[in-house]
Amino acid sequence: MRITLEQLATQPKQVIDLLEIISIEGQQYMARLSLGDRQLLLSDKKGLTRLFSSAWQIQDTLGSFPIKETQVIHPSAYHEMIGMAPAAVEPLRIRVQRQKVQGQEQ
């Protein structure tokens, strides 16, 4: 599912439970938002995934919204880089921030 910044802004008192800043090839990042039981990709008005040049740019863009937790996610191709067969490797998750949002339990 997808959501635009404008759609997010129209939802009163919407708290983002988890902001995942996902690193993708080409030094670009995308934002996946967890809102309750929904996971949504931040998209533009045309329905295309909105790409950012840095994790900071995503945080600045979403800075006016209450966010409980932010993680940067880096998928790994380590096995392939050292000549091993490709394997399912959990991505590296780095917690950037976690806070109690006013009126919400952690």
C-alpha atoms as a PDB file:
ATOM      1  CA  MET A   1       0.000   0.000   0.000  1.00  0.00           C
ATOM      2  CA  ARG A   2       1.058   3.586  -0.589  1.00  0.00           C
ATOM      3  CA  ILE A   3       0.469   6.974   1.009  1.00  0.00           C
ATOM      4  CA  THR A   4       1.406  10.488  -0.064  1.00  0.00           C
ATOM      5  CA  LEU A   5       2.660  13.202   2.250  1.00  0.00           C
ATOM      6  CA  GLU A   6      -0.578  15.097   1.606  1.00  0.00           C
ATOM      7  CA  GLN A   7      -2.715  12.083   2.575  1.00  0.00           C
ATOM      8  CA  LEU A   8      -0.676  11.590   5.732  1.00  0.00           C
ATOM      9  CA  ALA A   9      -1.193  15.240   6.684  1.00  0.00           C
ATOM     10  CA  THR A  10      -4.996  14.933   6.413  1.00  0.00           C
ATOM     11  CA  GLN A  11      -5.171  12.165   9.022  1.00  0.00           C
ATOM     12  CA  PRO A  12      -5.784  13.877  12.358  1.00  0.00           C
ATOM     13  CA  LYS A  13      -3.284  13.108  15.108  1.00  0.00           C
ATOM     14  CA  GLN A  14      -1.765  10.265  13.085  1.00  0.00           C
ATOM     15  CA  VAL A  15       1.209   8.723  14.894  1.00  0.00           C
ATOM     16  CA  ILE A  16       3.811   6.872  12.845  1.00  0.00           C
ATOM     17  CA  ASP A  17       4.651   3.794  14.914  1.00  0.00           C
ATOM     18  CA  LEU A  18       7.762   2.962  12.901  1.00  0.00           C
ATOM     19  CA  LEU A  19       9.563   4.872  10.170  1.00  0.00           C
ATOM     20  CA  GLU A  20      11.849   2.545   8.224  1.00  0.00           C
ATOM     21  CA  ILE A  21      14.404   4.371   6.089  1.00  0.00           C
ATOM     22  CA  ILE A  22      15.397   1.772   3.522  1.00  0.00           C
ATOM     23  CA  SER A  23      18.722   2.120   1.745  1.00  0.00           C
ATOM     24  CA  ILE A  24      18.558   1.081  -1.903  1.00  0.00           C
ATOM     25  CA  GLU A  25      21.103   0.982  -4.709  1.00  0.00           C
ATOM     26  CA  GLY A  26      22.381   4.229  -6.139  1.00  0.00           C
ATOM     27  CA  GLN A  27      22.656   6.016  -2.799  1.00  0.00           C
ATOM     28  CA  GLN A  28      18.918   6.514  -2.565  1.00  0.00           C
ATOM     29  CA  TYR A  29      16.488   5.936   0.261  1.00  0.00           C
ATOM     30  CA  MET A  30      12.776   5.260   0.541  1.00  0.00           C
ATOM     31  CA  ALA A  31      10.422   5.525   3.508  1.00  0.00           C
ATOM     32  CA  ARG A  32       8.159   2.753   4.776  1.00  0.00           C
ATOM     33  CA  LEU A  33       5.682   3.833   7.447  1.00  0.00           C
ATOM     34  CA  SER A  34       3.954   1.590   9.959  1.00  0.00           C
ATOM     35  CA  LEU A  35       0.616   3.076  10.988  1.00  0.00           C
ATOM     36  CA  GLY A  36      -1.098   0.665  13.338  1.00  0.00           C
ATOM     37  CA  ASP A  37      -1.303  -2.629  11.452  1.00  0.00           C
ATOM     38  CA  ARG A  38      -0.677  -1.023   8.029  1.00  0.00           C
ATOM     39  CA  GLN A  39       2.686  -0.706   6.276  1.00  0.00           C
ATOM     40  CA  LEU A  40       2.748   2.027   3.642  1.00  0.00           C
ATOM     41  CA  LEU A  41       5.378   3.287   1.226  1.00  0.00           C
ATOM     42  CA  LEU A  42       5.694   7.047   1.018  1.00  0.00           C
ATOM     43  CA  SER A  43       4.824   7.905  -2.581  1.00  0.00           C
ATOM     44  CA  ASP A  44       4.397  10.932  -4.787  1.00  0.00           C
ATOM     45  CA  LYS A  45       1.092  12.137  -6.265  1.00  0.00           C
ATOM     46  CA  LYS A  46       1.586   9.869  -9.298  1.00  0.00           C
ATOM     47  CA  GLY A  47       1.762   6.753  -7.102  1.00  0.00           C
ATOM     48  CA  LEU A  48       5.509   6.265  -7.556  1.00  0.00           C
ATOM     49  CA  THR A  49       7.755   5.543  -4.592  1.00  0.00           C
ATOM     50  CA  ARG A  50       9.251   8.802  -3.364  1.00  0.00           C
ATOM     51  CA  LEU A  51      13.048   8.599  -3.360  1.00  0.00           C
ATOM     52  CA  PHE A  52      15.380  10.646  -1.186  1.00  0.00           C
ATOM     53  CA  SER A  53      19.107  11.359  -1.358  1.00  0.00           C
ATOM     54  CA  SER A  54      19.706  10.835   2.368  1.00  0.00           C
ATOM     55  CA  ALA A  55      18.184   9.497   5.561  1.00  0.00           C
ATOM     56  CA  TRP A  56      18.282  13.060   6.914  1.00  0.00           C
ATOM     57  CA  GLN A  57      16.142  14.287   4.020  1.00  0.00           C
ATOM     58  CA  ILE A  58      13.430  11.761   4.936  1.00  0.00           C
ATOM     59  CA  GLN A  59      13.571  12.761   8.590  1.00  0.00           C
ATOM     60  CA  ASP A  60      13.308  16.452   7.657  1.00  0.00           C
ATOM     61  CA  THR A  61      10.364  15.745   5.336  1.00  0.00           C
ATOM     62  CA  LEU A  62       8.478  13.872   8.059  1.00  0.00           C
ATOM     63  CA  GLY A  63       9.671  16.103  10.904  1.00  0.00           C
ATOM     64  CA  SER A  64       6.231  17.586  11.594  1.00  0.00           C
ATOM     65  CA  PHE A  65       4.672  14.164  12.257  1.00  0.00           C
ATOM     66  CA  PRO A  66       4.927  12.309  15.587  1.00  0.00           C
ATOM     67  CA  ILE A  67       7.168   9.255  15.093  1.00  0.00           C
ATOM     68  CA  LYS A  68       7.636   6.640  17.815  1.00  0.00           C
ATOM     69  CA  GLU A  69      10.673   4.924  16.307  1.00  0.00           C
ATOM     70  CA  THR A  70      12.974   5.354  13.313  1.00  0.00           C
ATOM     71  CA  GLN A  71      15.235   2.657  11.887  1.00  0.00           C
ATOM     72  CA  VAL A  72      17.657   2.778   8.965  1.00  0.00           C
ATOM     73  CA  ILE A  73      17.693  -0.513   7.050  1.00  0.00           C
ATOM     74  CA  HIS A  74      20.634  -1.628   4.916  1.00  0.00           C
ATOM     75  CA  PRO A  75      20.121  -4.832   2.906  1.00  0.00           C
ATOM     76  CA  SER A  76      23.305  -6.877   2.590  1.00  0.00           C
ATOM     77  CA  ALA A  77      24.830  -8.602  -0.415  1.00  0.00           C
ATOM     78  CA  TYR A  78      27.840  -9.704   1.636  1.00  0.00           C
ATOM     79  CA  HIS A  79      27.649 -13.394   0.655  1.00  0.00           C
ATOM     80  CA  GLU A  80      27.779 -12.537  -3.036  1.00  0.00           C
ATOM     81  CA  MET A  81      30.553  -9.968  -2.529  1.00  0.00           C
ATOM     82  CA  ILE A  82      32.903 -12.556  -1.040  1.00  0.00           C
ATOM     83  CA  GLY A  83      32.105 -15.246  -3.616  1.00  0.00           C
ATOM     84  CA  MET A  84      29.610 -17.313  -1.636  1.00  0.00           C
ATOM     85  CA  ALA A  85      26.289 -18.427  -3.011  1.00  0.00           C
ATOM     86  CA  PRO A  86      23.528 -15.867  -2.537  1.00  0.00           C
ATOM     87  CA  ALA A  87      21.672 -16.506   0.722  1.00  0.00           C
ATOM     88  CA  ALA A  88      18.870 -14.927   2.660  1.00  0.00           C
ATOM     89  CA  VAL A  89      20.563 -12.518   5.052  1.00  0.00           C
ATOM     90  CA  GLU A  90      18.571 -10.318   7.383  1.00  0.00           C
ATOM     91  CA  PRO A  91      19.165  -6.640   6.621  1.00  0.00           C
ATOM     92  CA  LEU A  92      21.136  -4.519   9.051  1.00  0.00           C
ATOM     93  CA  ARG A  93      18.723  -2.464  11.182  1.00  0.00           C
ATOM     94  CA  ILE A  94      20.030   0.602  12.972  1.00  0.00           C
ATOM     95  CA  ARG A  95      17.741   2.315  15.483  1.00  0.00           C
ATOM     96  CA  VAL A  96      18.044   6.060  14.955  1.00  0.00           C
ATOM     97  CA  GLN A  97      15.524   7.177  17.544  1.00  0.00           C
ATOM     98  CA  ARG A  98      12.832   5.877  19.808  1.00  0.00           C
ATOM     99  CA  GLN A  99      10.584   8.046  21.903  1.00  0.00           C
ATOM    100  CA  LYS A 100       7.333   8.081  23.754  1.00  0.00           C
ATOM    101  CA  VAL A 101       4.837  10.092  21.755  1.00  0.00           C
ATOM    102  CA  GLN A 102       2.557  12.238  23.898  1.00  0.00           C
ATOM    103  CA  GLY A 103      -0.665  10.394  24.708  1.00  0.00           C
ATOM    104  CA  GLN A 104       0.661   7.061  23.400  1.00  0.00           C
ATOM    105  CA  GLU A 105       2.134   4.053  25.187  1.00  0.00           C
ATOM    106  CA  GLN A 106       5.398   2.586  23.918  1.00  0.00           C
END
